Amino acid sequence: MVPSISLLGSTGSIGRQTLEVCARLGVRVEALTARRNIDLLERQARQFRPRLVVLWEREDALALKERLSDLNIRAAWGMEGLLEAASLPESDTVVTAVVGMVGLRPTLAAIEAGKRVALANKETLVCAGELVMAAARRRGAEIVPVDSEHSAIFQCLQGCRNRGEVRRLLLTCSGGPFFGLTREEMAGKTRADALRHPNWTMGEKITVDCATLMNKGLEYIEAMRLFDVPPEKVEVVIHRQSVIHSMVEFQDGAILAQLGTPDMRLPIQYALTWPDRVPSPAEPLDLLACPPLTFHRPDTEAFPALALAMECARTGGTSCAVLNGANEAAVGLFLREEIPFGQIPDLVARALDRIPVKYDPCLEDILEADRQARRVVCEGRSAPEEFK
């Protein structure tokens, strides 16, 4: 079990559950970071007494520092603060629970510092997976996935002698709140509709991504990078019950699956205790009370975001960074009710059509592709009257 962590993104859903796990396991929290939730971050800092707290804006960080003046806790801000938290000498593990492209540079900083990275920020591997995994190999840094699907695959591969034994990685997908609908039926779905996930309680951005199936597309790319397999060895399967979190099929036809209740504390805890297992507060899975387990092929015509992601996985280069940046921008517009739900994949497709792919990219190429994608989405939106 890891003795200490820096937690990037402590006020989000994964961050809050990580702190619950840390409190129960007795893991020391050395740094906490958040975007803007000062009140919650103050409460967390008073409970866990980290060395460092970080907020995105300087004014917010200084305000928090004043609030915590009775404690010996430093405050920092912006990307520099995130990088400091990610490379803090007193932390042996960095949990990256921030959402979006902002997690890339801190993850690289944690790897360069030789930390174990408990990775909940899928965008890091989507946009720069080859750079990140090469850096991890060079520095000998461990990357342990926190996403439930990738944690499941990670667990199923524990006894695998070499990756040549693997025939397929089977990523399960709940299908989101709009499973079974046509694209026309989904077009007018509201923000509240999209945030009604059938099985999981998560942050707003990832919940919308589950509604479009872009989340599964991002996980498709992440699985390729994390487990070093080509795209043709990754397959998405709709599994509405979210009991099987993912599976691995081997060359002899055997399939290993990881089952459990849909509780993110399980993969979070395993990322912190691996290779050991310890008791968990999560409700154990009762197989006798389980509903029938069903499987379906994803409908990429109704959910074109998944098809776009799978095509980018095959294309490579900066296309994945364009995909991710455009999606982040489009989802942001939808959550602000500036565009309808059906326009999200259209704006992503527009960015992919307009921005040339650069192969063998460096970090700056990836960051520039992200910037261009966001710009194209903002320029291309055409909100109907009721969304203006």
Protein backbone atom coordinates (compact mmCIF):
# COMPACT_ATOMS: atom_id res chain seq x y z
CA MET A 1 0.00 0.00 0.00
CA VAL A 2 1.26 3.48 -0.86
CA PRO A 3 2.15 5.58 2.20
CA SER A 4 1.46 9.06 0.77
CA ILE A 5 -0.20 10.78 -2.17
CA SER A 6 -0.65 14.07 -3.96
CA LEU A 7 -4.25 14.31 -5.13
CA LEU A 8 -4.85 16.40 -8.25
CA GLY A 9 -8.54 17.23 -8.46
CA SER A 10 -9.63 16.62 -4.89
CA THR A 11 -13.06 18.27 -5.04
CA GLY A 12 -14.47 16.24 -7.95
CA SER A 13 -16.23 12.91 -7.71
CA ILE A 14 -13.09 10.78 -8.01
CA GLY A 15 -11.15 13.10 -5.72
CA ARG A 16 -13.73 12.97 -2.96
CA GLN A 17 -13.91 9.18 -3.13
CA THR A 18 -10.10 8.97 -3.14
CA LEU A 19 -10.00 10.93 0.12
CA GLU A 20 -12.59 8.57 1.60
CA VAL A 21 -10.34 5.64 0.69
CA CYS A 22 -7.24 7.39 2.06
CA ALA A 23 -8.95 8.17 5.36
CA ARG A 24 -9.93 4.53 5.82
CA LEU A 25 -6.54 3.13 4.78
CA GLY A 26 -4.48 5.69 6.68
CA VAL A 27 -2.75 7.02 3.55
CA ARG A 28 -1.05 10.38 4.14
CA VAL A 29 -2.24 13.21 1.84
CA GLU A 30 0.62 15.62 1.07
CA ALA A 31 -1.05 17.86 -1.54
CA LEU A 32 -4.59 18.75 -2.59
CA THR A 33 -5.56 20.65 -5.73
CA ALA A 34 -8.84 21.98 -7.08
CA ARG A 35 -10.01 24.32 -9.79
CA ARG A 36 -12.20 26.75 -7.88
CA ASN A 37 -14.10 25.07 -5.02
CA ILE A 38 -12.50 26.98 -2.16
CA ASP A 39 -15.01 25.98 0.51
CA LEU A 40 -14.67 22.24 -0.04
CA LEU A 41 -10.91 22.44 -0.45
CA GLU A 42 -10.66 24.27 2.87
CA ARG A 43 -12.67 21.52 4.61
CA GLN A 44 -10.48 18.85 3.01
CA ALA A 45 -7.31 20.69 4.02
CA ARG A 46 -8.46 20.95 7.62
CA GLN A 47 -9.23 17.24 7.73
CA PHE A 48 -6.11 15.92 5.97
CA ARG A 49 -3.54 18.67 6.80
CA PRO A 50 -1.54 18.51 3.52
CA ARG A 51 1.72 20.39 3.00
CA LEU A 52 0.35 22.11 -0.11
CA VAL A 53 -2.99 23.25 -1.51
CA VAL A 54 -3.42 24.51 -5.07
CA LEU A 55 -6.19 26.42 -6.83
CA TRP A 56 -6.21 27.54 -10.46
CA GLU A 57 -6.59 31.28 -9.86
CA ARG A 58 -4.05 33.26 -7.82
CA GLU A 59 -6.77 35.24 -6.03
CA ASP A 60 -8.52 32.06 -4.93
CA ALA A 61 -5.26 30.55 -3.68
CA LEU A 62 -4.41 33.65 -1.66
CA ALA A 63 -7.92 33.71 -0.19
CA LEU A 64 -7.57 30.07 0.84
CA LYS A 65 -4.15 30.74 2.32
CA GLU A 66 -5.71 33.42 4.50
CA ARG A 67 -8.46 31.05 5.61
CA LEU A 68 -5.86 28.42 6.52
CA SER A 69 -3.53 30.87 8.28
CA ASP A 70 -3.89 28.92 11.53
CA LEU A 71 -2.34 25.85 9.85
CA ASN A 72 1.11 25.26 8.41
CA ILE A 73 -0.11 24.73 4.83
CA ARG A 74 1.38 26.41 1.76
CA ALA A 75 -0.83 27.65 -1.08
CA ALA A 76 0.03 27.81 -4.78
CA TRP A 77 -1.89 28.38 -8.00
CA GLY A 78 -2.14 27.69 -11.70
CA MET A 79 -0.22 25.17 -13.74
CA GLU A 80 2.95 25.83 -11.74
CA GLY A 81 1.11 24.84 -8.59
CA LEU A 82 -0.17 21.65 -10.21
CA LEU A 83 3.34 20.78 -11.38
CA GLU A 84 4.69 21.34 -7.87
CA ALA A 85 2.00 19.12 -6.36
CA ALA A 86 2.71 16.42 -8.95
CA SER A 87 6.42 16.33 -8.15
CA LEU A 88 6.33 16.94 -4.40
CA PRO A 89 9.22 14.94 -2.84
CA GLU A 90 7.12 13.82 0.14
CA SER A 91 4.53 12.07 -2.08
CA ASP A 92 5.30 8.68 -3.52
CA THR A 93 2.07 8.47 -5.56
CA VAL A 94 0.15 11.04 -7.60
CA VAL A 95 -3.57 10.51 -8.16
CA THR A 96 -4.55 12.45 -11.28
CA ALA A 97 -8.27 13.04 -10.90
CA VAL A 98 -8.45 16.34 -12.77
CA VAL A 99 -10.71 16.41 -15.82
CA GLY A 100 -9.43 17.21 -19.27
CA MET A 101 -6.24 18.20 -21.02
CA VAL A 102 -5.03 20.13 -17.96
CA GLY A 103 -3.89 16.79 -16.50
CA LEU A 104 -1.25 16.13 -19.17
CA ARG A 105 1.67 18.24 -17.96
CA PRO A 106 1.24 17.33 -14.25
CA THR A 107 1.13 13.63 -15.18
CA LEU A 108 4.36 13.98 -17.13
CA ALA A 109 5.89 15.84 -14.17
CA ALA A 110 4.89 13.02 -11.81
CA ILE A 111 6.45 10.47 -14.17
CA GLU A 112 9.68 12.46 -14.44
CA ALA A 113 9.79 12.56 -10.64
CA GLY A 114 9.53 8.74 -10.59
CA LYS A 115 6.13 8.59 -8.88
CA ARG A 116 3.51 5.91 -9.14
CA VAL A 117 0.66 7.50 -11.10
CA ALA A 118 -2.87 6.41 -10.20
CA LEU A 119 -4.42 7.59 -13.44
CA ALA A 120 -8.03 8.74 -13.55
CA ASN A 121 -7.39 11.39 -16.21
CA LYS A 122 -7.95 9.48 -19.47
CA GLU A 123 -7.29 12.57 -21.61
CA THR A 124 -3.58 12.31 -20.77
CA LEU A 125 -3.24 9.00 -22.61
CA VAL A 126 -5.73 9.92 -25.31
CA CYS A 127 -3.84 13.03 -26.36
CA ALA A 128 -0.25 12.03 -25.65
CA GLY A 129 -0.25 8.34 -24.85
CA GLU A 130 2.91 7.51 -26.77
CA LEU A 131 4.86 10.33 -25.07
CA VAL A 132 3.50 9.45 -21.63
CA MET A 133 4.14 5.71 -21.86
CA ALA A 134 7.63 6.27 -23.30
CA ALA A 135 8.42 8.60 -20.40
CA ALA A 136 7.11 6.03 -17.90
CA ARG A 137 9.32 3.31 -19.38
CA ARG A 138 12.33 5.60 -19.38
CA ARG A 139 11.84 6.70 -15.76
CA GLY A 140 10.60 3.35 -14.43
CA ALA A 141 7.39 4.99 -13.21
CA GLU A 142 4.32 2.84 -12.53
CA ILE A 143 1.00 3.82 -14.12
CA VAL A 144 -1.94 2.10 -12.45
CA PRO A 145 -5.37 2.85 -13.97
CA VAL A 146 -8.27 4.13 -11.88
CA ASP A 147 -10.99 4.03 -14.55
CA SER A 148 -13.11 1.00 -13.70
CA GLU A 149 -12.75 -0.52 -17.19
CA HIS A 150 -8.98 -0.15 -17.38
CA SER A 151 -8.58 -1.29 -13.80
CA ALA A 152 -10.56 -4.40 -14.76
CA ILE A 153 -8.28 -5.11 -17.73
CA PHE A 154 -5.22 -4.40 -15.57
CA GLN A 155 -6.44 -6.97 -13.06
CA CYS A 156 -7.28 -9.56 -15.73
CA LEU A 157 -3.75 -9.22 -17.15
CA GLN A 158 -1.98 -9.87 -13.85
CA GLY A 159 -1.28 -13.49 -14.75
CA CYS A 160 -0.48 -12.83 -18.41
CA ARG A 161 3.10 -13.81 -19.26
CA ASN A 162 3.30 -11.71 -22.42
CA ARG A 163 0.92 -9.52 -24.42
CA GLY A 164 1.21 -11.86 -27.39
CA GLU A 165 -1.21 -14.15 -25.51
CA VAL A 166 -3.94 -11.49 -25.75
CA ARG A 167 -6.47 -11.75 -28.57
CA ARG A 168 -8.77 -8.88 -27.55
CA LEU A 169 -9.49 -6.37 -24.82
CA LEU A 170 -13.26 -6.17 -24.31
CA LEU A 171 -14.28 -2.78 -22.93
CA THR A 172 -17.74 -2.86 -21.42
CA CYS A 173 -20.03 0.14 -21.70
CA SER A 174 -23.33 0.83 -19.95
CA GLY A 175 -24.74 2.53 -23.04
CA GLY A 176 -25.55 5.66 -21.05
CA PRO A 177 -28.99 7.21 -20.55
CA PHE A 178 -29.92 7.15 -24.25
CA PHE A 179 -29.29 3.50 -25.06
CA GLY A 180 -31.64 2.24 -27.79
CA LEU A 181 -32.58 5.69 -29.12
CA THR A 182 -31.92 6.89 -32.64
CA ARG A 183 -29.84 9.95 -33.30
CA GLU A 184 -33.00 11.87 -34.21
CA GLU A 185 -34.62 10.90 -30.90
CA MET A 186 -31.55 12.10 -28.99
CA ALA A 187 -31.14 15.40 -30.83
CA GLY A 188 -33.30 17.47 -28.49
CA LYS A 189 -32.29 15.85 -25.20
CA THR A 190 -31.59 18.36 -22.46
CA ARG A 191 -28.71 18.86 -20.06
CA ALA A 192 -30.76 17.23 -17.30
CA ASP A 193 -31.52 14.24 -19.53
CA ALA A 194 -27.84 13.71 -20.38
CA LEU A 195 -26.78 13.91 -16.74
CA ARG A 196 -29.09 11.04 -15.73
CA HIS A 197 -26.64 8.14 -15.90
CA PRO A 198 -28.29 4.76 -15.21
CA ASN A 199 -25.53 3.21 -13.05
CA TRP A 200 -22.77 5.63 -12.01
CA THR A 201 -22.59 8.96 -10.17
CA MET A 202 -19.84 11.04 -11.79
CA GLY A 203 -18.88 14.59 -12.72
CA GLU A 204 -20.88 16.46 -15.35
CA LYS A 205 -18.37 16.32 -18.20
CA ILE A 206 -17.76 12.57 -18.02
CA THR A 207 -21.51 11.93 -17.62
CA VAL A 208 -22.24 13.81 -20.84
CA ASP A 209 -19.43 11.87 -22.51
CA CYS A 210 -21.19 8.67 -21.41
CA ALA A 211 -24.40 9.94 -22.99
CA THR A 212 -22.69 10.50 -26.37
CA LEU A 213 -20.49 7.37 -25.93
CA MET A 214 -17.45 9.61 -26.43
CA ASN A 215 -16.29 8.43 -23.01
CA LYS A 216 -16.04 4.90 -24.35
CA GLY A 217 -14.24 6.20 -27.42
CA LEU A 218 -11.68 7.94 -25.21
CA GLU A 219 -11.31 4.75 -23.16
CA TYR A 220 -10.79 2.79 -26.40
CA ILE A 221 -7.79 4.99 -27.21
CA GLU A 222 -6.58 4.91 -23.60
CA ALA A 223 -6.66 1.11 -23.56
CA MET A 224 -4.52 0.94 -26.70
CA ARG A 225 -1.89 3.20 -25.16
CA LEU A 226 -1.94 1.82 -21.64
CA PHE A 227 -1.78 -1.85 -22.62
CA ASP A 228 0.25 -1.41 -25.83
CA VAL A 229 -2.15 -3.10 -28.25
CA PRO A 230 -3.27 -2.07 -31.76
CA PRO A 231 -6.83 -0.76 -32.25
CA GLU A 232 -8.03 -3.98 -33.87
CA LYS A 233 -7.41 -5.75 -30.55
CA VAL A 234 -9.83 -3.50 -28.64
CA GLU A 235 -13.59 -3.99 -28.81
CA VAL A 236 -16.48 -2.15 -27.15
CA VAL A 237 -19.43 -4.18 -25.83
CA ILE A 238 -22.61 -2.64 -24.40
CA HIS A 239 -23.31 -4.21 -21.00
CA ARG A 240 -26.20 -2.35 -19.38
CA GLN A 241 -25.83 -3.78 -15.87
CA SER A 242 -22.24 -2.50 -15.25
CA VAL A 243 -21.45 -5.68 -13.32
CA ILE A 244 -18.66 -6.86 -15.63
CA HIS A 245 -16.26 -3.94 -15.76
CA SER A 246 -14.24 -5.30 -18.70
CA MET A 247 -12.74 -8.52 -20.03
CA VAL A 248 -9.64 -9.94 -21.70
CA GLU A 249 -9.85 -12.66 -24.33
CA PHE A 250 -6.74 -14.79 -24.82
CA GLN A 251 -5.45 -16.63 -27.88
CA ASP A 252 -6.80 -19.97 -26.65
CA GLY A 253 -10.33 -18.57 -26.45
CA ALA A 254 -10.41 -18.19 -22.65
CA ILE A 255 -11.97 -14.94 -21.41
CA LEU A 256 -11.19 -13.44 -18.00
CA ALA A 257 -13.66 -10.88 -16.63
CA GLN A 258 -13.57 -8.64 -13.56
CA LEU A 259 -16.94 -8.32 -11.84
CA GLY A 260 -18.02 -6.10 -8.99
CA THR A 261 -20.56 -3.57 -7.81
CA PRO A 262 -20.42 -0.23 -9.69
CA ASP A 263 -18.47 1.60 -6.97
CA MET A 264 -15.46 3.71 -7.92
CA ARG A 265 -13.91 3.20 -4.50
CA LEU A 266 -12.93 -0.31 -5.62
CA PRO A 267 -10.61 0.67 -8.51
CA ILE A 268 -9.36 3.70 -6.56
CA GLN A 269 -8.39 1.49 -3.63
CA TYR A 270 -6.72 -1.09 -5.87
CA ALA A 271 -4.61 1.62 -7.51
CA LEU A 272 -3.34 2.59 -4.04
CA THR A 273 -2.84 -0.92 -2.64
CA TRP A 274 -1.64 -2.80 -5.75
CA PRO A 275 -0.23 -5.45 -5.83
CA ASP A 276 -1.97 -6.14 -2.52
CA ARG A 277 -5.69 -6.36 -1.80
CA VAL A 278 -7.31 -5.19 1.42
CA PRO A 279 -10.92 -5.14 2.66
CA SER A 280 -13.18 -2.51 1.08
CA PRO A 281 -16.29 -0.69 2.35
CA ALA A 282 -18.01 -1.25 -1.01
CA GLU A 283 -21.06 -3.46 -1.00
CA PRO A 284 -20.00 -6.94 -2.18
CA LEU A 285 -21.52 -8.22 -5.39
CA ASP A 286 -24.38 -10.65 -4.73
CA LEU A 287 -24.45 -12.92 -7.77
CA LEU A 288 -27.76 -14.43 -6.73
CA ALA A 289 -29.38 -11.00 -6.71
CA CYS A 290 -27.84 -9.86 -10.00
CA PRO A 291 -30.11 -9.18 -12.95
CA PRO A 292 -29.43 -11.17 -16.12
CA LEU A 293 -26.19 -10.01 -17.75
CA THR A 294 -26.76 -8.81 -21.31
CA PHE A 295 -24.46 -7.71 -24.13
CA HIS A 296 -25.06 -5.64 -27.27
CA ARG A 297 -23.06 -4.25 -30.15
CA PRO A 298 -22.73 -0.43 -29.97
CA ASP A 299 -24.75 1.56 -32.53
CA THR A 300 -22.17 3.90 -34.08
CA GLU A 301 -24.77 5.48 -36.38
CA ALA A 302 -26.83 6.66 -33.43
CA PHE A 303 -23.64 7.47 -31.46
CA PRO A 304 -21.17 8.86 -34.04
CA ALA A 305 -18.81 10.14 -31.31
CA LEU A 306 -17.69 6.56 -30.68
CA ALA A 307 -17.02 6.04 -34.40
CA LEU A 308 -15.00 9.28 -34.53
CA ALA A 309 -12.83 8.15 -31.62
CA MET A 310 -12.21 4.72 -33.12
CA GLU A 311 -11.19 6.32 -36.42
CA CYS A 312 -8.75 8.63 -34.57
CA ALA A 313 -7.30 5.59 -32.81
CA ARG A 314 -6.46 4.18 -36.23
CA THR A 315 -5.19 7.52 -37.59
CA GLY A 316 -2.94 8.40 -34.63
CA GLY A 317 -0.74 11.48 -34.52
CA THR A 318 -2.43 14.63 -33.27
CA SER A 319 -5.89 13.46 -34.36
CA CYS A 320 -6.60 12.15 -30.85
CA ALA A 321 -5.68 15.52 -29.31
CA VAL A 322 -8.00 17.26 -31.79
CA LEU A 323 -10.78 14.81 -30.92
CA ASN A 324 -10.37 15.37 -27.21
CA GLY A 325 -9.99 19.16 -27.35
CA ALA A 326 -12.98 19.56 -29.65
CA ASN A 327 -15.09 17.30 -27.44
CA GLU A 328 -14.15 19.17 -24.26
CA ALA A 329 -15.11 22.46 -25.89
CA ALA A 330 -18.37 21.12 -27.33
CA VAL A 331 -19.43 19.48 -24.07
CA GLY A 332 -18.68 22.75 -22.28
CA LEU A 333 -21.02 24.58 -24.67
CA PHE A 334 -23.73 21.96 -24.14
CA LEU A 335 -23.45 22.13 -20.34
CA ARG A 336 -23.86 25.93 -20.60
CA GLU A 337 -26.94 25.26 -22.79
CA GLU A 338 -25.40 27.11 -25.74
CA ILE A 339 -25.76 24.18 -28.18
CA PRO A 340 -28.16 21.22 -28.40
CA PHE A 341 -27.03 17.71 -27.51
CA GLY A 342 -26.99 16.50 -31.11
CA GLN A 343 -24.47 19.14 -32.11
CA ILE A 344 -21.66 17.78 -29.91
CA PRO A 345 -20.39 15.10 -32.34
CA ASP A 346 -20.97 17.44 -35.31
CA LEU A 347 -18.59 20.02 -33.85
CA VAL A 348 -16.00 17.34 -33.09
CA ALA A 349 -16.24 16.06 -36.68
CA ARG A 350 -15.84 19.62 -37.95
CA ALA A 351 -12.59 20.07 -36.02
CA LEU A 352 -11.25 16.74 -37.26
CA ASP A 353 -12.05 17.70 -40.85
CA ARG A 354 -10.38 21.12 -40.63
CA ILE A 355 -7.20 20.48 -38.66
CA PRO A 356 -4.38 18.58 -40.41
CA VAL A 357 -2.90 15.62 -38.57
CA LYS A 358 0.73 15.85 -37.49
CA TYR A 359 2.46 12.51 -37.01
CA ASP A 360 5.20 11.74 -34.43
CA PRO A 361 4.17 14.88 -32.49
CA CYS A 362 6.11 16.50 -29.69
CA LEU A 363 4.38 17.91 -26.62
CA GLU A 364 4.01 21.37 -28.16
CA ASP A 365 2.41 19.86 -31.29
CA ILE A 366 -0.16 18.13 -29.07
CA LEU A 367 -0.91 21.27 -27.09
CA GLU A 368 -1.26 23.29 -30.31
CA ALA A 369 -3.66 20.69 -31.78
CA ASP A 370 -5.74 21.00 -28.63
CA ARG A 371 -5.82 24.81 -28.92
CA GLN A 372 -6.80 24.68 -32.59
CA ALA A 373 -9.59 22.18 -31.91
CA ARG A 374 -11.14 24.36 -29.23
CA ARG A 375 -10.96 27.40 -31.51
CA VAL A 376 -12.65 25.57 -34.41
CA VAL A 377 -15.48 24.41 -32.14
CA CYS A 378 -16.11 27.89 -30.77
CA GLU A 379 -16.08 29.38 -34.27
CA GLY A 380 -18.31 26.65 -35.67
CA ARG A 381 -21.18 26.57 -33.21
CA SER A 382 -24.56 27.54 -34.60
CA ALA A 383 -26.91 27.45 -31.67
CA PRO A 384 -30.64 27.41 -32.38
CA GLU A 385 -32.64 30.33 -31.03
CA GLU A 386 -33.75 28.63 -27.82
CA PHE A 387 -30.11 28.03 -26.84
CA LYS A 388 -28.96 31.64 -27.36
